[in-house]
C-alpha atoms as a PDB file:
ATOM      1  CA  MET A   1     156.583 165.338  17.212  1.00  0.00           C
ATOM      2  CA  THR A   2     156.867 166.981  13.800  1.00  0.00           C
ATOM      3  CA  GLY A   3     153.821 165.297  12.210  1.00  0.00           C
ATOM      4  CA  ALA A   4     151.422 166.119  15.061  1.00  0.00           C
ATOM      5  CA  LYS A   5     150.081 169.180  16.863  1.00  0.00           C
ATOM      6  CA  ARG A   6     148.087 169.754  20.054  1.00  0.00           C
ATOM      7  CA  CYS A   7     144.681 171.479  19.930  1.00  0.00           C
ATOM      8  CA  PRO A   8     144.318 173.703  23.033  1.00  0.00           C
ATOM      9  CA  HIS A   9     140.522 173.497  22.933  1.00  0.00           C
ATOM     10  CA  CYS A  10     139.953 169.730  22.944  1.00  0.00           C
ATOM     11  CA  ASP A  11     143.410 169.035  24.417  1.00  0.00           C
ATOM     12  CA  SER A  12     144.108 166.341  21.809  1.00  0.00           C
ATOM     13  CA  THR A  13     147.303 165.666  19.913  1.00  0.00           C
ATOM     14  CA  LEU A  14     146.326 165.206  16.285  1.00  0.00           C
ATOM     15  CA  PRO A  15     148.139 164.836  12.944  1.00  0.00           C
ATOM     16  CA  ILE A  16     148.857 168.146  11.210  1.00  0.00           C
ATOM     17  CA  SER A  17     146.332 167.214   8.489  1.00  0.00           C
ATOM     18  CA  ALA A  18     143.611 167.835  11.127  1.00  0.00           C
ATOM     19  CA  PHE A  19     144.499 171.561  11.222  1.00  0.00           C
ATOM     20  CA  SER A  20     143.571 174.227   8.656  1.00  0.00           C
ATOM     21  CA  LYS A  21     146.196 176.422   7.037  1.00  0.00           C
ATOM     22  CA  ASN A  22     146.777 179.852   8.567  1.00  0.00           C
ATOM     23  CA  ARG A  23     149.688 181.905   7.248  1.00  0.00           C
ATOM     24  CA  ALA A  24     149.488 184.274  10.226  1.00  0.00           C
ATOM     25  CA  GLN A  25     150.657 181.508  12.569  1.00  0.00           C
ATOM     26  CA  VAL A  26     154.361 180.705  12.960  1.00  0.00           C
ATOM     27  CA  ASP A  27     153.893 177.077  11.886  1.00  0.00           C
ATOM     28  CA  GLY A  28     151.427 178.007   9.117  1.00  0.00           C
ATOM     29  CA  LEU A  29     148.573 176.070  10.738  1.00  0.00           C
ATOM     30  CA  SER A  30     145.491 177.082  12.704  1.00  0.00           C
ATOM     31  CA  SER A  31     145.785 176.890  16.494  1.00  0.00           C
ATOM     32  CA  TYR A  32     142.651 174.741  16.718  1.00  0.00           C
ATOM     33  CA  CYS A  33     141.804 171.462  14.983  1.00  0.00           C
ATOM     34  CA  ARG A  34     139.192 171.663  12.216  1.00  0.00           C
ATOM     35  CA  PRO A  35     136.183 170.494  14.310  1.00  0.00           C
ATOM     36  CA  CYS A  36     137.054 172.839  17.222  1.00  0.00           C
ATOM     37  CA  ASP A  37     137.719 175.720  14.804  1.00  0.00           C
ATOM     38  CA  TYR A  38     134.394 175.121  13.062  1.00  0.00           C
ATOM     39  CA  ASN A  39     132.519 175.033  16.394  1.00  0.00           C
ATOM     40  CA  ARG A  40     134.254 178.215  17.597  1.00  0.00           C
ATOM     41  CA  LYS A  41     133.392 180.069  14.375  1.00  0.00           C
ATOM     42  CA  ALA A  42     129.791 178.811  14.394  1.00  0.00           C
ATOM     43  CA  ALA A  43     129.366 179.930  18.008  1.00  0.00           C
ATOM     44  CA  TRP A  44     130.802 183.356  17.163  1.00  0.00           C
ATOM     45  CA  LEU A  45     128.415 183.686  14.207  1.00  0.00           C
ATOM     46  CA  ARG A  46     125.421 182.792  16.400  1.00  0.00           C
ATOM     47  CA  ARG A  47     126.586 185.154  19.168  1.00  0.00           C
ATOM     48  CA  THR A  48     127.126 188.161  16.903  1.00  0.00           C
ATOM     49  CA  ARG A  49     124.311 187.691  14.396  1.00  0.00           C
ATOM     50  CA  THR A  50     122.117 190.583  15.549  1.00  0.00           C
ATOM     51  CA  GLN A  51     125.116 192.904  15.880  1.00  0.00           C
ATOM     52  CA  ARG A  52     126.346 192.068  12.368  1.00  0.00           C
ATOM     53  CA  THR A  53     122.813 192.471  10.955  1.00  0.00           C
ATOM     54  CA  GLU A  54     122.456 195.889  12.603  1.00  0.00           C
ATOM     55  CA  GLN A  55     125.873 196.997  11.338  1.00  0.00           C
ATOM     56  CA  ALA A  56     125.010 195.922   7.802  1.00  0.00           C
ATOM     57  CA  ALA A  57     121.685 197.787   7.978  1.00  0.00           C
ATOM     58  CA  GLN A  58     123.451 200.910   9.244  1.00  0.00           C
ATOM     59  CA  TRP A  59     126.011 200.698   6.433  1.00  0.00           C
ATOM     60  CA  ARG A  60     123.247 200.286   3.825  1.00  0.00           C
ATOM     61  CA  ALA A  61     121.386 203.294   5.259  1.00  0.00           C
ATOM     62  CA  ALA A  62     124.561 205.410   5.271  1.00  0.00           C
ATOM     63  CA  ASN A  63     125.691 204.297   1.779  1.00  0.00           C
ATOM     64  CA  PRO A  64     122.601 203.916  -0.434  1.00  0.00           C
ATOM     65  CA  ALA A  65     124.470 204.752  -3.645  1.00  0.00           C
ATOM     66  CA  LYS A  66     127.172 202.150  -2.975  1.00  0.00           C
ATOM     67  CA  GLN A  67     124.536 199.577  -2.004  1.00  0.00           C
ATOM     68  CA  HIS A  68     122.618 200.284  -5.210  1.00  0.00           C
ATOM     69  CA  ALA A  69     125.803 199.945  -7.301  1.00  0.00           C
ATOM     70  CA  ILE A  70     126.601 196.604  -5.637  1.00  0.00           C
ATOM     71  CA  ALA A  71     123.061 195.346  -6.325  1.00  0.00           C
ATOM     72  CA  VAL A  72     123.211 196.473  -9.965  1.00  0.00           C
ATOM     73  CA  ARG A  73     126.570 194.724 -10.488  1.00  0.00           C
ATOM     74  CA  TYR A  74     125.233 191.518  -8.891  1.00  0.00           C
ATOM     75  CA  ARG A  75     122.093 191.538 -11.062  1.00  0.00           C
ATOM     76  CA  ALA A  76     124.179 192.072 -14.202  1.00  0.00           C
ATOM     77  CA  ALA A  77     126.604 189.281 -13.269  1.00  0.00           C
ATOM     78  CA  HIS A  78     123.920 186.754 -12.181  1.00  0.00           C
ATOM     79  CA  PRO A  79     120.759 187.244 -14.304  1.00  0.00           C
ATOM     80  CA  GLU A  80     119.723 183.578 -13.996  1.00  0.00           C
ATOM     81  CA  LYS A  81     119.853 183.678 -10.188  1.00  0.00           C
ATOM     82  CA  VAL A  82     117.841 186.903 -10.132  1.00  0.00           C
ATOM     83  CA  ARG A  83     115.170 185.451 -12.441  1.00  0.00           C
ATOM     84  CA  ALA A  84     115.014 182.276 -10.324  1.00  0.00           C
ATOM     85  CA  ARG A  85     114.610 184.306  -7.122  1.00  0.00           C
ATOM     86  CA  VAL A  86     111.808 186.361  -8.710  1.00  0.00           C
ATOM     87  CA  ALA A  87     110.040 183.170  -9.840  1.00  0.00           C
ATOM     88  CA  ARG A  88     110.292 181.631  -6.359  1.00  0.00           C
ATOM     89  CA  ARG A  89     108.963 184.824  -4.757  1.00  0.00           C
ATOM     90  CA  LEU A  90     106.037 184.938  -7.189  1.00  0.00           C
ATOM     91  CA  ALA A  91     105.228 181.285  -6.500  1.00  0.00           C
ATOM     92  CA  ARG A  92     105.270 181.905  -2.741  1.00  0.00           C
ATOM     93  CA  GLN A  93     102.994 184.923  -3.154  1.00  0.00           C
ATOM     94  CA  LEU A  94     100.558 182.782  -5.130  1.00  0.00           C
ATOM     95  CA  ASP A  95     100.792 180.103  -2.427  1.00  0.00           C
ATOM     96  CA  ALA A  96     102.099 177.570  -4.951  1.00  0.00           C
ATOM     97  CA  PHE A  97     104.444 174.675  -4.302  1.00  0.00           C
ATOM     98  CA  VAL A  98     108.039 175.939  -4.549  1.00  0.00           C
ATOM     99  CA  GLU A  99     110.980 173.682  -5.401  1.00  0.00           C
ATOM    100  CA  ASN A 100     114.500 175.020  -5.963  1.00  0.00           C
ATOM    101  CA  ILE A 101     115.086 174.762  -9.711  1.00  0.00           C
ATOM    102  CA  ASP A 102     118.668 174.597 -10.963  1.00  0.00           C
ATOM    103  CA  ILE A 103     118.622 175.992 -14.491  1.00  0.00           C
ATOM    104  CA  ALA A 104     121.772 174.044 -15.430  1.00  0.00           C
ATOM    105  CA  GLU A 105     120.081 170.794 -14.390  1.00  0.00           C
ATOM    106  CA  LEU A 106     116.962 171.830 -16.309  1.00  0.00           C
ATOM    107  CA  ALA A 107     119.104 172.508 -19.406  1.00  0.00           C
ATOM    108  CA  GLN A 108     120.701 169.074 -19.108  1.00  0.00           C
ATOM    109  CA  ARG A 109     117.302 167.396 -18.713  1.00  0.00           C
ATOM    110  CA  ASP A 110     115.911 169.216 -21.776  1.00  0.00           C
ATOM    111  CA  ASN A 111     119.103 168.627 -23.826  1.00  0.00           C
ATOM    112  CA  GLY A 112     119.701 172.382 -24.097  1.00  0.00           C
ATOM    113  CA  ARG A 113     116.629 172.818 -26.327  1.00  0.00           C
ATOM    114  CA  CYS A 114     113.961 175.503 -25.971  1.00  0.00           C
ATOM    115  CA  GLY A 115     110.594 174.052 -24.990  1.00  0.00           C
ATOM    116  CA  VAL A 116     108.788 176.686 -27.064  1.00  0.00           C
ATOM    117  CA  CYS A 117     110.675 176.912 -30.387  1.00  0.00           C
ATOM    118  CA  GLY A 118     112.809 173.737 -30.145  1.00  0.00           C
ATOM    119  CA  LYS A 119     116.103 175.491 -30.978  1.00  0.00           C
ATOM    120  CA  SER A 120     119.320 175.275 -28.968  1.00  0.00           C
ATOM    121  CA  VAL A 121     119.565 177.686 -25.994  1.00  0.00           C
ATOM    122  CA  VAL A 122     122.866 179.393 -25.125  1.00  0.00           C
ATOM    123  CA  PRO A 123     123.516 179.829 -21.372  1.00  0.00           C
ATOM    124  CA  ALA A 124     123.211 183.628 -21.499  1.00  0.00           C
ATOM    125  CA  MET A 125     119.675 183.394 -22.906  1.00  0.00           C
ATOM    126  CA  ARG A 126     118.286 180.628 -20.658  1.00  0.00           C
ATOM    127  CA  SER A 127     114.966 181.071 -18.944  1.00  0.00           C
ATOM    128  CA  VAL A 128     112.672 178.825 -16.920  1.00  0.00           C
ATOM    129  CA  ASP A 129     109.164 178.529 -18.354  1.00  0.00           C
ATOM    130  CA  HIS A 130     106.228 177.198 -16.348  1.00  0.00           C
ATOM    131  CA  ILE A 131     104.153 174.848 -18.509  1.00  0.00           C
ATOM    132  CA  LEU A 132     101.067 175.603 -16.431  1.00  0.00           C
ATOM    133  CA  PRO A 133     101.689 179.247 -15.424  1.00  0.00           C
ATOM    134  CA  LEU A 134     101.850 180.124 -11.754  1.00  0.00           C
ATOM    135  CA  SER A 135      98.960 182.541 -12.295  1.00  0.00           C
ATOM    136  CA  PHE A 136      96.808 179.565 -13.379  1.00  0.00           C
ATOM    137  CA  GLY A 137      97.684 177.526 -10.292  1.00  0.00           C
ATOM    138  CA  GLY A 138     100.827 175.804 -11.582  1.00  0.00           C
ATOM    139  CA  GLU A 139     103.642 174.907  -9.222  1.00  0.00           C
ATOM    140  CA  HIS A 140     107.306 175.927  -9.319  1.00  0.00           C
ATOM    141  CA  SER A 141     108.757 172.422  -9.695  1.00  0.00           C
ATOM    142  CA  TYR A 142     110.796 170.384 -12.169  1.00  0.00           C
ATOM    143  CA  ALA A 143     107.615 168.633 -13.301  1.00  0.00           C
ATOM    144  CA  ASN A 144     106.026 171.948 -14.342  1.00  0.00           C
ATOM    145  CA  THR A 145     109.069 173.730 -15.806  1.00  0.00           C
ATOM    146  CA  ARG A 146     111.065 173.592 -18.997  1.00  0.00           C
ATOM    147  CA  LEU A 147     114.024 175.379 -20.527  1.00  0.00           C
ATOM    148  CA  THR A 148     113.263 178.213 -22.945  1.00  0.00           C
ATOM    149  CA  HIS A 149     114.918 181.188 -24.574  1.00  0.00           C
ATOM    150  CA  LEU A 150     114.248 184.323 -22.538  1.00  0.00           C
ATOM    151  CA  ARG A 151     112.653 185.889 -25.618  1.00  0.00           C
ATOM    152  CA  CYS A 152     110.366 182.875 -26.222  1.00  0.00           C
ATOM    153  CA  ASN A 153     109.317 182.873 -22.570  1.00  0.00           C
ATOM    154  CA  ILE A 154     108.499 186.591 -22.655  1.00  0.00           C
ATOM    155  CA  ARG A 155     106.519 186.163 -25.891  1.00  0.00           C
ATOM    156  CA  ARG A 156     104.572 183.243 -24.435  1.00  0.00           C
ATOM    157  CA  GLN A 157     103.638 185.274 -21.319  1.00  0.00           C
ATOM    158  CA  ASP A 158     101.111 183.427 -19.129  1.00  0.00           C
ATOM    159  CA  ARG A 159      99.247 181.484 -21.777  1.00  0.00           C
ATOM    160  CA  GLY A 160      97.999 178.126 -20.561  1.00  0.00           C
ATOM    161  CA  THR A 161      98.853 174.574 -21.555  1.00  0.00           C
ATOM    162  CA  ALA A 162      96.766 174.701 -24.746  1.00  0.00           C
ATOM    163  CA  GLN A 163      99.483 176.915 -26.283  1.00  0.00           C
ATOM    164  CA  LEU A 164     102.516 174.753 -25.610  1.00  0.00           C
ATOM    165  CA  ARG A 165     104.476 175.375 -28.813  1.00  0.00           C
ATOM    166  CA  MET A 166     104.619 178.690 -30.645  1.00  0.00           C
ATOM    167  CA  ILE A 167     105.202 178.812 -34.398  1.00  0.00           C
END
């Protein structure tokens, strides 16, 4: 049968579309069907989690300069993700409600306009502003956030809701 293959794990004969690609195999397909392959990989990940965590910790301890360089490159390449992670951590520390905020979705909701100055915000300068600051008991949610320029957000600092638009 040219259009089918047998999975040795579940002992089923399935169409070749049920198998992932694998260039290392003679026929170019994985030995196991997709569900069996997924389950095998998930089991391996669960089984080796502590070992992989320990190995990663050992590598980081042995290579602090490389680890630092990797972290610096990541922060430079993903400033929005870093700012979002810092905001979530701050909200958790203040015991506030934390919702995952997607800055692209926030930009679409706010029509790409800064909530402080009202001008258009380019993606490189996006920032999430809390209308009621976290330090005043505000929550990290879509209802309490708006899109701003990074500069406008820094200038605004943690002023309350009375100062919603700067001039």
